[in-house]
Amino acid sequence: MMTNGPNEKAFRFLPRGLIIRILSFFDKVSILFVKLRIHPNTLTYLGFAAGFGVGLFYFLERPIWAMVLIFLCGVLDILDGKVAANSNRKSLFGAILDSSFDRYTEFFMYMGLAYHFRTQWTLWVIFCAFLGSTMVSYTRARAEGLGIDCQVGIMQRAERLILLFAGTAVGLAFKIYDPAMTAVLVFIALASNITAVQRLAYVRRYEKQKTGGR
């Protein structure tokens, strides 16, 4: 059974109120998909395809299309869970499929960017960003495997997708694509790895609280 960790509200870059409103909106949208009898795993597969497309378009130097697919990937990432919940189709396979595809899609996104920055120092930043993004997911999954609800952290998947979208948009709008994307990737690399450390510390505090500080 999942148990709560220490009683705290972790800071996130996306305001909590905004997150609640967005999730509430997509909860209503998901009802349409339920009525159309669309299986949540279908949305997961489409999200995977969109994420692959993001990486492909970054690779092909078509950042506008990459930006469009980042938005679509984020929408589908929310909808598959909402449709699963509202159609009573939650399953263990669906949960692991969603989490696994999320990791693959981020890999494709970063690899597409890695090709663009292959002759620049930003390439190393991309490796660190992918490592941090993976560790954010791993630390949560490992904690939940130990029965601890661990969703704390400043840089979760939603923030990473929004930053990639924003960096691409700002870079194209002001013709500073490389500097804008480099700044975003540095921020993701730092904040993602900090988030992984936050989760490690969260589990440590939980253990101390449970054992009376031993």
Protein backbone atom coordinates (compact mmCIF):
# COMPACT_ATOMS: atom_id res chain seq x y z
CA MET A 1 0.00 0.00 0.00
CA MET A 2 1.28 3.45 -0.90
CA THR A 3 2.05 5.65 2.08
CA ASN A 4 2.68 9.36 2.30
CA GLY A 5 6.09 10.73 3.10
CA PRO A 6 6.91 13.70 5.32
CA ASN A 7 4.16 16.29 5.49
CA GLU A 8 5.46 18.99 3.15
CA LYS A 9 4.55 20.84 -0.01
CA ALA A 10 7.41 20.84 -2.47
CA PHE A 11 8.05 23.85 -4.67
CA ARG A 12 7.31 23.45 -8.37
CA PHE A 13 7.94 25.94 -11.14
CA LEU A 14 4.39 25.51 -12.39
CA PRO A 15 1.98 27.15 -9.89
CA ARG A 16 -0.15 24.61 -8.06
CA GLY A 17 -3.36 26.48 -8.95
CA LEU A 18 -2.48 26.41 -12.64
CA ILE A 19 -1.75 22.68 -12.50
CA ILE A 20 -5.13 22.02 -10.86
CA ARG A 21 -6.99 24.09 -13.48
CA ILE A 22 -5.21 22.38 -16.38
CA LEU A 23 -5.92 18.91 -14.99
CA SER A 24 -9.54 19.86 -14.34
CA PHE A 25 -9.93 21.05 -17.94
CA PHE A 26 -8.49 17.86 -19.39
CA ASP A 27 -10.59 15.79 -17.02
CA LYS A 28 -13.65 17.27 -18.75
CA VAL A 29 -12.13 16.81 -22.22
CA SER A 30 -11.38 13.16 -21.44
CA ILE A 31 -15.11 12.47 -21.07
CA LEU A 32 -15.48 12.97 -24.83
CA PHE A 33 -12.81 10.33 -25.48
CA VAL A 34 -14.53 7.97 -23.07
CA LYS A 35 -17.81 8.43 -24.95
CA LEU A 36 -15.99 7.73 -28.22
CA ARG A 37 -14.70 4.49 -26.64
CA ILE A 38 -11.08 5.42 -27.30
CA HIS A 39 -8.79 3.17 -25.30
CA PRO A 40 -6.28 5.02 -23.07
CA ASN A 41 -3.43 2.90 -24.42
CA THR A 42 -4.24 4.24 -27.88
CA LEU A 43 -3.54 7.75 -26.57
CA THR A 44 -0.31 6.48 -25.02
CA TYR A 45 0.79 5.09 -28.40
CA LEU A 46 -0.09 8.39 -30.08
CA GLY A 47 1.89 10.28 -27.42
CA PHE A 48 4.84 8.00 -28.10
CA ALA A 49 4.57 8.73 -31.83
CA ALA A 50 4.40 12.47 -31.12
CA GLY A 51 7.49 12.28 -28.91
CA PHE A 52 9.38 10.37 -31.60
CA GLY A 53 8.29 13.05 -34.05
CA VAL A 54 9.70 15.78 -31.81
CA GLY A 55 13.12 14.16 -31.90
CA LEU A 56 12.87 13.56 -35.64
CA PHE A 57 11.98 17.18 -36.38
CA TYR A 58 14.79 18.49 -34.16
CA PHE A 59 17.09 16.13 -36.09
CA LEU A 60 15.74 17.41 -39.43
CA GLU A 61 16.19 21.04 -38.27
CA ARG A 62 12.43 21.68 -38.29
CA PRO A 63 12.00 23.15 -34.79
CA ILE A 64 8.57 24.65 -35.51
CA TRP A 65 7.11 21.19 -36.10
CA ALA A 66 9.03 19.89 -33.09
CA MET A 67 7.35 22.57 -30.99
CA VAL A 68 3.89 21.62 -32.28
CA LEU A 69 4.48 17.96 -31.42
CA ILE A 70 5.83 18.82 -27.95
CA PHE A 71 2.46 20.44 -27.25
CA LEU A 72 0.60 17.42 -28.62
CA CYS A 73 2.81 15.05 -26.63
CA GLY A 74 2.03 16.94 -23.42
CA VAL A 75 -1.71 16.93 -24.09
CA LEU A 76 -1.76 13.20 -24.80
CA ASP A 77 0.38 12.57 -21.73
CA ILE A 78 -2.36 14.07 -19.58
CA LEU A 79 -5.30 12.62 -21.48
CA ASP A 80 -4.29 8.96 -21.41
CA GLY A 81 -4.33 8.92 -17.61
CA LYS A 82 -7.59 10.86 -17.40
CA VAL A 83 -9.31 8.59 -19.93
CA ALA A 84 -8.06 5.51 -18.07
CA ALA A 85 -9.46 6.84 -14.80
CA ASN A 86 -12.81 8.00 -16.19
CA SER A 87 -13.42 4.82 -18.18
CA ASN A 88 -12.34 2.47 -15.37
CA ARG A 89 -9.62 1.11 -17.63
CA LYS A 90 -6.67 1.61 -15.33
CA SER A 91 -4.32 -1.34 -15.55
CA LEU A 92 -0.85 -2.32 -14.42
CA PHE A 93 0.23 -2.76 -18.04
CA GLY A 94 -1.16 0.65 -18.99
CA ALA A 95 0.74 2.29 -16.13
CA ILE A 96 4.10 0.73 -17.00
CA LEU A 97 3.52 1.31 -20.72
CA ASP A 98 2.90 5.00 -20.11
CA SER A 99 5.96 5.42 -17.88
CA SER A 100 8.20 3.47 -20.25
CA PHE A 101 7.08 5.40 -23.32
CA ASP A 102 7.64 8.68 -21.46
CA ARG A 103 11.30 7.75 -21.03
CA TYR A 104 11.65 6.74 -24.67
CA THR A 105 10.03 9.94 -25.93
CA GLU A 106 12.38 12.10 -23.86
CA PHE A 107 15.30 10.09 -25.23
CA PHE A 108 14.19 10.82 -28.79
CA MET A 109 13.74 14.53 -28.02
CA TYR A 110 17.20 14.88 -26.51
CA MET A 111 18.84 12.83 -29.25
CA GLY A 112 17.30 15.07 -31.89
CA LEU A 113 18.72 18.09 -30.07
CA ALA A 114 22.04 16.29 -29.61
CA TYR A 115 22.37 16.00 -33.38
CA HIS A 116 21.74 19.73 -33.78
CA PHE A 117 24.35 20.59 -31.13
CA ARG A 118 26.74 17.77 -32.08
CA THR A 119 29.70 20.14 -32.65
CA GLN A 120 29.05 22.36 -29.62
CA TRP A 121 29.64 22.04 -25.87
CA THR A 122 25.86 22.00 -25.40
CA LEU A 123 26.01 18.33 -26.44
CA TRP A 124 27.39 17.48 -22.97
CA VAL A 125 24.64 19.48 -21.33
CA ILE A 126 22.07 17.39 -23.22
CA PHE A 127 23.59 14.20 -21.82
CA CYS A 128 23.28 15.64 -18.29
CA ALA A 129 19.71 16.76 -18.98
CA PHE A 130 18.72 13.28 -20.12
CA LEU A 131 20.45 11.69 -17.13
CA GLY A 132 18.62 14.05 -14.76
CA SER A 133 15.28 13.49 -16.46
CA THR A 134 15.73 9.72 -16.19
CA MET A 135 16.78 9.92 -12.54
CA VAL A 136 13.71 12.01 -11.68
CA SER A 137 11.54 9.18 -12.95
CA TYR A 138 13.68 6.43 -11.45
CA THR A 139 13.79 7.89 -7.93
CA ARG A 140 10.02 8.28 -7.89
CA ALA A 141 9.45 4.75 -9.20
CA ARG A 142 11.94 3.27 -6.73
CA ALA A 143 10.39 5.17 -3.82
CA GLU A 144 6.90 4.07 -4.82
CA GLY A 145 8.20 0.50 -5.02
CA LEU A 146 9.11 0.93 -1.35
CA GLY A 147 5.59 2.16 -0.60
CA ILE A 148 6.38 5.90 -0.46
CA ASP A 149 4.41 8.44 -2.48
CA CYS A 150 7.25 10.58 -3.83
CA GLN A 151 6.12 13.33 -6.20
CA VAL A 152 8.25 16.17 -4.84
CA GLY A 153 10.69 18.13 -6.94
CA ILE A 154 11.18 21.37 -8.84
CA MET A 155 11.57 19.85 -12.32
CA GLN A 156 9.07 17.17 -13.27
CA ARG A 157 8.07 15.99 -16.75
CA ALA A 158 5.49 18.73 -17.34
CA GLU A 159 8.03 21.44 -16.58
CA ARG A 160 10.60 19.86 -18.88
CA LEU A 161 8.19 19.74 -21.82
CA ILE A 162 7.05 23.32 -21.23
CA LEU A 163 10.64 24.56 -21.08
CA LEU A 164 11.56 22.78 -24.33
CA PHE A 165 8.46 24.29 -25.96
CA ALA A 166 9.20 27.77 -24.59
CA GLY A 167 12.88 27.64 -25.50
CA THR A 168 12.05 26.65 -29.07
CA ALA A 169 9.36 29.33 -29.38
CA VAL A 170 11.49 32.14 -27.93
CA GLY A 171 14.54 31.08 -29.93
CA LEU A 172 12.63 31.14 -33.20
CA ALA A 173 10.71 34.34 -32.44
CA PHE A 174 13.82 36.35 -31.55
CA LYS A 175 16.25 34.53 -33.86
CA ILE A 176 18.36 33.32 -30.94
CA TYR A 177 17.57 29.63 -31.31
CA ASP A 178 20.90 28.14 -30.20
CA PRO A 179 21.43 30.44 -27.16
CA ALA A 180 17.80 30.02 -26.05
CA MET A 181 17.87 26.24 -26.31
CA THR A 182 21.26 26.07 -24.61
CA ALA A 183 19.95 28.13 -21.68
CA VAL A 184 16.87 25.91 -21.39
CA LEU A 185 18.92 22.71 -21.56
CA VAL A 186 21.36 23.94 -18.90
CA PHE A 187 18.41 24.77 -16.66
CA ILE A 188 16.78 21.38 -17.24
CA ALA A 189 20.08 19.59 -16.58
CA LEU A 190 20.63 21.39 -13.28
CA ALA A 191 17.04 21.37 -12.04
CA SER A 192 16.35 17.74 -13.02
CA ASN A 193 19.36 16.45 -11.14
CA ILE A 194 18.45 18.66 -8.17
CA THR A 195 14.96 17.12 -8.27
CA ALA A 196 16.45 13.62 -8.15
CA VAL A 197 18.46 14.64 -5.08
CA GLN A 198 15.32 16.18 -3.54
CA ARG A 199 13.57 12.84 -3.87
CA LEU A 200 16.45 10.97 -2.30
CA ALA A 201 16.38 13.42 0.62
CA TYR A 202 12.60 13.07 0.86
CA VAL A 203 12.85 9.30 1.26
CA ARG A 204 15.62 9.76 3.83
CA ARG A 205 13.45 12.12 5.88
CA TYR A 206 10.54 9.71 5.59
CA GLU A 207 12.68 6.87 6.93
CA LYS A 208 13.95 8.96 9.83
CA GLN A 209 10.41 10.06 10.66
CA LYS A 210 9.19 6.47 10.57
CA THR A 211 12.02 5.09 12.68
CA GLY A 212 12.13 7.96 15.15
CA GLY A 213 15.40 9.36 13.84
CA ARG A 214 17.44 6.17 14.06
